[in-house]
Amino acid sequence: MTAPRKRTRRSAKAAGARFERAIADYLAEHIDDRIDKRPKNGAKDRGDIGGVRLSPALRGGRIVVECKDSARTNLAGWAAEAENERGNDDAVAAVIVHKRHGVADPGQQWVTCTVDNFIALLTGERPQTEEDAEAEEWVQRMANLPDDQVRALLARGGWLQTDSEELTA
């Protein structure tokens, strides 16, 4: 009997690509034939599978699907990655589809998400966080300021390049 071969980076990438393809094909068959594996986007990755959307009754928002075929579970890291990709895609929710050891059937793999993502999947809307509320309040305050004050604040924060000293004063 031979010892099992050690997984290399190349074999892990190939297994991951096969898993992504299997999940994309399964979702396309059972949900929408426009669902497909996404090309890699580098730093602005938007998930592994594209074309996944909420039903029209839930405003049809995009769903980021991050696939993982790994012997070790790393939910915290995967969730952070999926959430980053959700932001990159301006999607309503993100889910992680991860491989069950010894289970080949794509329909029997695990799906994990945060409670906020679960709420978004059920309602079509993300719950507003405290950070979101603060950002919305800031936008409202900025909208009520005169243009010259907005420019001065943006210049002071380094968001606006200007030659005029009076704007940054």
Protein backbone atom coordinates (compact mmCIF):
# COMPACT_ATOMS: atom_id res chain seq x y z
CA MET A 1 0.00 0.00 0.00
CA THR A 2 1.39 3.39 -0.94
CA ALA A 3 1.22 6.48 1.22
CA PRO A 4 -1.21 9.18 0.10
CA ARG A 5 0.41 11.87 -2.00
CA LYS A 6 0.98 15.19 -0.35
CA ARG A 7 -1.11 18.04 -1.72
CA THR A 8 0.93 20.64 -3.58
CA ARG A 9 -0.08 24.19 -4.38
CA ARG A 10 -0.72 23.11 -7.96
CA SER A 11 -2.91 20.14 -6.98
CA ALA A 12 -4.81 22.31 -4.46
CA LYS A 13 -5.51 24.95 -7.14
CA ALA A 14 -6.69 22.25 -9.55
CA ALA A 15 -8.98 20.73 -6.89
CA GLY A 16 -10.36 24.18 -6.09
CA ALA A 17 -11.04 24.90 -9.77
CA ARG A 18 -12.83 21.53 -10.17
CA PHE A 19 -14.91 22.24 -7.05
CA GLU A 20 -15.86 25.74 -8.32
CA ARG A 21 -16.86 24.25 -11.69
CA ALA A 22 -18.97 21.53 -10.05
CA ILE A 23 -20.79 24.04 -7.83
CA ALA A 24 -21.32 26.55 -10.69
CA ASP A 25 -22.71 23.82 -12.95
CA TYR A 26 -25.00 22.52 -10.21
CA LEU A 27 -26.36 26.00 -9.44
CA ALA A 28 -26.80 26.73 -13.17
CA GLU A 29 -28.75 23.49 -13.62
CA HIS A 30 -31.06 24.10 -10.65
CA ILE A 31 -31.41 27.90 -10.51
CA ASP A 32 -30.39 29.86 -13.60
CA ASP A 33 -28.31 28.85 -16.61
CA ARG A 34 -26.52 32.23 -16.55
CA ILE A 35 -24.69 31.23 -13.36
CA ASP A 36 -21.07 30.43 -14.14
CA LYS A 37 -17.56 30.31 -12.71
CA ARG A 38 -16.01 33.79 -12.65
CA PRO A 39 -12.58 34.62 -14.01
CA LYS A 40 -10.08 35.67 -11.32
CA ASN A 41 -10.04 39.43 -10.66
CA GLY A 42 -6.91 39.80 -8.51
CA ALA A 43 -7.13 42.41 -5.74
CA LYS A 44 -10.74 43.29 -6.57
CA ASP A 45 -12.01 39.71 -6.53
CA ARG A 46 -15.80 39.48 -6.65
CA GLY A 47 -16.24 35.83 -5.68
CA ASP A 48 -15.80 32.52 -7.47
CA ILE A 49 -19.24 32.18 -9.09
CA GLY A 50 -21.14 34.91 -10.92
CA GLY A 51 -24.76 35.30 -11.92
CA VAL A 52 -26.23 34.28 -8.55
CA ARG A 53 -29.06 36.64 -7.67
CA LEU A 54 -31.94 36.92 -5.25
CA SER A 55 -35.37 36.31 -6.69
CA PRO A 56 -37.04 39.31 -8.39
CA ALA A 57 -39.48 39.37 -5.45
CA LEU A 58 -36.46 40.24 -3.27
CA ARG A 59 -35.20 42.94 -5.66
CA GLY A 60 -32.83 40.58 -7.51
CA GLY A 61 -29.66 41.64 -5.64
CA ARG A 62 -26.37 39.88 -6.38
CA ILE A 63 -24.99 37.13 -4.15
CA VAL A 64 -21.24 36.51 -3.85
CA VAL A 65 -20.35 32.81 -3.73
CA GLU A 66 -16.89 31.93 -2.41
CA CYS A 67 -15.96 28.25 -2.91
CA LYS A 68 -13.47 26.40 -0.72
CA ASP A 69 -12.12 22.87 -1.20
CA SER A 70 -9.81 22.59 1.79
CA ALA A 71 -8.91 19.87 4.26
CA ARG A 72 -8.81 22.48 7.03
CA THR A 73 -11.78 24.67 7.87
CA ASN A 74 -11.01 28.38 8.26
CA LEU A 75 -14.45 29.97 8.57
CA ALA A 76 -13.16 33.26 10.02
CA GLY A 77 -10.70 33.79 7.17
CA TRP A 78 -13.15 32.62 4.52
CA ALA A 79 -15.91 34.86 5.89
CA ALA A 80 -13.60 37.89 5.85
CA GLU A 81 -12.64 37.08 2.25
CA ALA A 82 -16.29 36.62 1.21
CA GLU A 83 -17.30 39.87 2.90
CA ASN A 84 -14.52 41.76 1.13
CA GLU A 85 -15.65 40.27 -2.18
CA ARG A 86 -19.28 41.19 -1.38
CA GLY A 87 -18.15 44.79 -1.03
CA ASN A 88 -16.14 44.61 -4.27
CA ASP A 89 -19.23 43.33 -6.10
CA ASP A 90 -21.69 45.64 -4.30
CA ALA A 91 -23.68 42.46 -3.58
CA VAL A 92 -26.45 42.12 -1.03
CA ALA A 93 -25.01 38.97 0.58
CA ALA A 94 -22.06 36.57 0.55
CA VAL A 95 -21.97 32.83 1.18
CA ILE A 96 -19.18 30.31 1.45
CA VAL A 97 -19.66 26.93 -0.21
CA HIS A 98 -17.16 24.53 1.31
CA LYS A 99 -16.35 20.94 0.50
CA ARG A 100 -17.50 18.14 2.75
CA HIS A 101 -14.71 15.61 3.15
CA GLY A 102 -15.57 12.41 1.29
CA VAL A 103 -18.73 13.83 -0.33
CA ALA A 104 -18.66 14.36 -4.10
CA ASP A 105 -22.30 15.40 -4.72
CA PRO A 106 -22.34 19.21 -5.25
CA GLY A 107 -25.82 19.43 -3.73
CA GLN A 108 -24.56 17.98 -0.45
CA GLN A 109 -21.75 20.49 0.21
CA TRP A 110 -21.88 22.96 3.11
CA VAL A 111 -23.02 26.60 2.80
CA THR A 112 -21.99 29.05 5.54
CA CYS A 113 -22.76 32.73 5.98
CA THR A 114 -23.15 35.37 8.67
CA VAL A 115 -26.55 36.11 10.20
CA ASP A 116 -26.58 39.50 8.39
CA ASN A 117 -26.05 37.67 5.09
CA PHE A 118 -28.76 35.17 6.04
CA ILE A 119 -31.17 38.05 6.73
CA ALA A 120 -30.25 39.59 3.35
CA LEU A 121 -30.95 36.26 1.63
CA LEU A 122 -34.36 36.02 3.28
CA THR A 123 -35.45 39.64 2.93
CA GLY A 124 -33.42 41.08 0.05
CA GLU A 125 -31.98 43.81 2.29
CA ARG A 126 -28.87 43.96 4.46
CA PRO A 127 -29.45 45.05 8.05
CA GLN A 128 -27.99 48.51 8.59
CA THR A 129 -24.99 48.41 10.89
CA GLU A 130 -23.95 51.20 13.24
CA GLU A 131 -21.11 51.98 10.82
CA ASP A 132 -23.61 52.24 7.92
CA ALA A 133 -25.80 54.60 9.96
CA GLU A 134 -22.81 56.82 10.78
CA ALA A 135 -21.78 56.93 7.12
CA GLU A 136 -25.34 57.83 6.06
CA GLU A 137 -25.47 60.59 8.69
CA TRP A 138 -22.14 61.97 7.43
CA VAL A 139 -23.41 61.98 3.83
CA GLN A 140 -26.53 63.86 4.91
CA ARG A 141 -24.48 66.47 6.80
CA MET A 142 -22.17 66.93 3.81
CA ALA A 143 -25.16 67.29 1.48
CA ASN A 144 -26.40 70.24 3.55
CA LEU A 145 -23.09 72.14 3.55
CA PRO A 146 -22.27 74.85 0.99
CA ASP A 147 -19.99 73.65 -1.84
CA ASP A 148 -16.99 75.73 -0.68
CA GLN A 149 -17.11 74.15 2.79
CA VAL A 150 -17.37 70.64 1.30
CA ARG A 151 -14.34 71.33 -0.93
CA ALA A 152 -12.39 72.69 2.05
CA LEU A 153 -13.16 69.59 4.14
CA LEU A 154 -12.23 67.25 1.29
CA ALA A 155 -8.99 69.15 0.64
CA ARG A 156 -8.08 69.11 4.34
CA GLY A 157 -8.65 65.35 4.42
CA GLY A 158 -6.42 64.85 1.39
CA TRP A 159 -9.32 63.81 -0.86
CA LEU A 160 -9.18 66.84 -3.14
CA GLN A 161 -6.11 68.20 -4.88
CA THR A 162 -6.14 71.98 -5.10
CA ASP A 163 -3.73 74.80 -5.84
CA SER A 164 -5.73 77.28 -3.82
CA GLU A 165 -4.57 77.88 -0.23
CA GLU A 166 -7.89 79.41 0.72
CA LEU A 167 -9.71 76.08 0.33
CA THR A 168 -7.45 74.30 2.80
CA ALA A 169 -7.30 77.15 5.32
